[in-house]
Amino acid sequence: MDRRLAAYAVCIEDGHVLLALAVGPEGDRTWTLPGGGVEHAEDPFDTVIREVAEETGLKAVVESLLGVDSRVIPANERRRPGAPELQNVGVFYRVRVTGGTLRPEPNGDTAESVWTPLSEVARLRRSSLVDIGIALAQNLPPTGHVAPVPIGGLVQH
């Protein structure tokens, strides 16, 4: 089994959430939260700030820890053929934008970033991370944990 530790930014302002359009190796396009893998010896707190800057061009500060999500992605649902199952451990932070200008990620996998009305999120082909992050931000569960998000249809891994 592969394991991945990642940090994700949940930025909600005036009824809009900041989303990033990830483009996969085969051209598939999925909306997700800004964020990504924690590098060797990096603190997830620092990761989320770095990833927001890299993927969106925006400067952000962490306001709070929202929670942690752990899910196992079966091998047959991985984007990489032949890869083993993956345990993704995501650390979700509420962030606030302090500056910068939205732009695509230079030489990266993020084609664009946009402020999306919360009312439109359900109509997007999106990563389950989006639903998890929004649920954490809206419900603030004392445990920092939300129920698993069903995968399928417009919701992807």
Protein backbone atom coordinates (compact mmCIF):
# COMPACT_ATOMS: atom_id res chain seq x y z
CA MET A 1 0.00 0.00 0.00
CA ASP A 2 1.18 3.51 -0.83
CA ARG A 3 0.69 6.32 1.69
CA ARG A 4 0.41 10.03 1.07
CA LEU A 5 0.33 12.86 3.60
CA ALA A 6 -1.13 16.06 2.18
CA ALA A 7 -2.39 19.45 3.36
CA TYR A 8 -5.40 21.23 1.86
CA ALA A 9 -6.65 24.82 2.01
CA VAL A 10 -10.31 25.58 2.61
CA CYS A 11 -10.85 29.23 1.77
CA ILE A 12 -14.45 30.40 1.87
CA GLU A 13 -15.22 34.11 1.43
CA ASP A 14 -18.57 35.77 0.73
CA GLY A 15 -20.28 32.47 -0.14
CA HIS A 16 -17.51 31.40 -2.55
CA VAL A 17 -14.87 28.70 -2.15
CA LEU A 18 -11.44 28.80 -3.78
CA LEU A 19 -11.07 25.80 -6.11
CA ALA A 20 -8.24 24.63 -8.35
CA LEU A 21 -8.73 22.75 -11.63
CA ALA A 22 -6.34 19.79 -11.62
CA VAL A 23 -5.45 18.26 -14.97
CA GLY A 24 -4.40 14.60 -14.83
CA PRO A 25 -1.79 12.87 -16.98
CA GLU A 26 -4.44 11.79 -19.49
CA GLY A 27 -6.08 15.20 -19.64
CA ASP A 28 -8.90 14.49 -17.18
CA ARG A 29 -10.02 17.64 -15.36
CA THR A 30 -11.19 17.63 -11.74
CA TRP A 31 -11.91 20.52 -9.39
CA THR A 32 -10.13 20.25 -6.06
CA LEU A 33 -8.95 22.31 -3.13
CA PRO A 34 -5.56 24.00 -3.35
CA GLY A 35 -3.08 21.76 -1.60
CA GLY A 36 -0.81 18.82 -2.04
CA GLY A 37 1.80 16.47 -0.70
CA VAL A 38 3.90 17.23 2.34
CA GLU A 39 7.57 17.17 1.37
CA HIS A 40 10.22 15.36 3.41
CA ALA A 41 10.60 17.03 6.84
CA GLU A 42 8.03 19.72 5.96
CA ASP A 43 5.31 20.72 8.42
CA PRO A 44 1.78 20.38 6.91
CA PHE A 45 1.11 23.95 8.17
CA ASP A 46 3.89 25.20 5.87
CA THR A 47 2.80 22.87 3.07
CA VAL A 48 -0.66 24.40 2.77
CA ILE A 49 0.73 27.95 2.46
CA ARG A 50 3.31 26.83 -0.12
CA GLU A 51 0.73 24.91 -2.15
CA VAL A 52 -1.76 27.82 -2.23
CA ALA A 53 1.00 30.10 -3.55
CA GLU A 54 2.24 27.56 -6.13
CA GLU A 55 -1.16 26.53 -7.44
CA THR A 56 -3.09 29.81 -7.34
CA GLY A 57 -0.62 32.70 -7.14
CA LEU A 58 -2.29 33.86 -3.91
CA LYS A 59 -0.72 34.54 -0.54
CA ALA A 60 -2.58 33.04 2.38
CA VAL A 61 -2.41 32.62 6.14
CA VAL A 62 -3.73 29.73 8.17
CA GLU A 63 -6.61 30.67 10.46
CA SER A 64 -7.30 27.26 11.97
CA LEU A 65 -6.95 23.53 11.71
CA LEU A 66 -10.27 22.08 10.52
CA GLY A 67 -9.57 18.38 10.73
CA VAL A 68 -7.94 15.29 9.26
CA ASP A 69 -9.34 12.81 6.76
CA SER A 70 -7.93 9.37 6.04
CA ARG A 71 -9.22 7.27 3.20
CA VAL A 72 -8.00 4.26 1.25
CA ILE A 73 -8.25 4.41 -2.52
CA PRO A 74 -8.44 0.89 -4.00
CA ALA A 75 -5.83 -0.03 -6.60
CA ASN A 76 -8.44 -0.30 -9.38
CA GLU A 77 -9.57 3.30 -8.73
CA ARG A 78 -6.09 4.81 -8.89
CA ARG A 79 -5.21 7.06 -11.83
CA ARG A 80 -1.94 5.19 -12.32
CA PRO A 81 -2.55 1.72 -13.81
CA GLY A 82 -0.85 -1.01 -11.79
CA ALA A 83 -0.39 1.14 -8.69
CA PRO A 84 -1.25 -0.43 -5.33
CA GLU A 85 -4.01 0.90 -3.10
CA LEU A 86 -3.31 4.30 -1.57
CA GLN A 87 -3.98 5.61 1.91
CA ASN A 88 -4.37 9.39 1.63
CA VAL A 89 -4.14 11.29 4.91
CA GLY A 90 -5.30 14.87 4.39
CA VAL A 91 -4.86 17.71 6.86
CA PHE A 92 -7.42 20.46 6.23
CA TYR A 93 -6.83 24.08 7.21
CA ARG A 94 -9.09 27.13 7.01
CA VAL A 95 -7.04 29.79 5.23
CA ARG A 96 -7.54 33.45 4.45
CA VAL A 97 -6.14 35.11 1.33
CA THR A 98 -3.96 38.13 2.09
CA GLY A 99 -2.72 39.08 -1.39
CA GLY A 100 -1.54 37.96 -4.79
CA THR A 101 -3.32 37.51 -8.11
CA LEU A 102 -5.08 34.37 -9.32
CA ARG A 103 -3.15 32.61 -12.05
CA PRO A 104 -2.58 29.07 -13.40
CA GLU A 105 0.25 27.04 -11.86
CA PRO A 106 3.39 27.59 -13.94
CA ASN A 107 4.63 24.23 -15.26
CA GLY A 108 2.22 22.40 -12.95
CA ASP A 109 -0.95 20.39 -12.86
CA THR A 110 -3.31 23.25 -11.95
CA ALA A 111 -4.83 24.75 -15.10
CA GLU A 112 -6.76 27.50 -13.28
CA SER A 113 -8.08 28.57 -9.90
CA VAL A 114 -11.42 30.28 -9.36
CA TRP A 115 -13.74 31.53 -6.66
CA THR A 116 -16.78 29.28 -7.03
CA PRO A 117 -20.19 29.97 -5.46
CA LEU A 118 -20.88 27.29 -2.84
CA SER A 119 -24.28 26.76 -4.48
CA GLU A 120 -22.56 25.61 -7.71
CA VAL A 121 -20.09 23.12 -6.22
CA ALA A 122 -22.51 20.17 -6.40
CA ARG A 123 -22.67 20.52 -10.21
CA LEU A 124 -18.89 20.25 -10.68
CA ARG A 125 -16.80 17.16 -11.40
CA ARG A 126 -14.75 17.37 -8.23
CA SER A 127 -12.48 15.54 -5.86
CA SER A 128 -14.01 14.17 -2.69
CA LEU A 129 -11.54 16.51 -0.93
CA VAL A 130 -13.79 19.45 -1.87
CA ASP A 131 -16.81 17.96 -0.09
CA ILE A 132 -14.74 16.97 2.94
CA GLY A 133 -13.17 20.43 3.26
CA ILE A 134 -16.48 22.27 2.90
CA ALA A 135 -18.16 19.94 5.42
CA LEU A 136 -15.36 20.52 7.93
CA ALA A 137 -15.54 24.31 7.45
CA GLN A 138 -19.33 24.49 7.70
CA ASN A 139 -19.88 22.02 10.54
CA LEU A 140 -16.69 22.42 12.61
CA PRO A 141 -17.04 18.94 14.12
CA PRO A 142 -15.38 18.80 17.56
CA THR A 143 -13.57 15.63 16.53
CA GLY A 144 -12.22 17.20 13.31
CA HIS A 145 -13.68 14.27 11.37
CA VAL A 146 -16.57 13.98 8.90
CA ALA A 147 -18.37 10.92 7.59
CA PRO A 148 -16.91 9.32 4.45
CA VAL A 149 -17.92 10.99 1.19
CA PRO A 150 -19.45 8.58 -1.36
CA ILE A 151 -17.44 8.38 -4.57
CA GLY A 152 -19.05 8.23 -8.00
CA GLY A 153 -20.80 10.45 -10.49
CA LEU A 154 -19.37 13.94 -10.20
CA VAL A 155 -17.36 13.09 -7.06
CA GLN A 156 -13.95 11.51 -7.76
CA HIS A 157 -10.92 10.46 -5.73
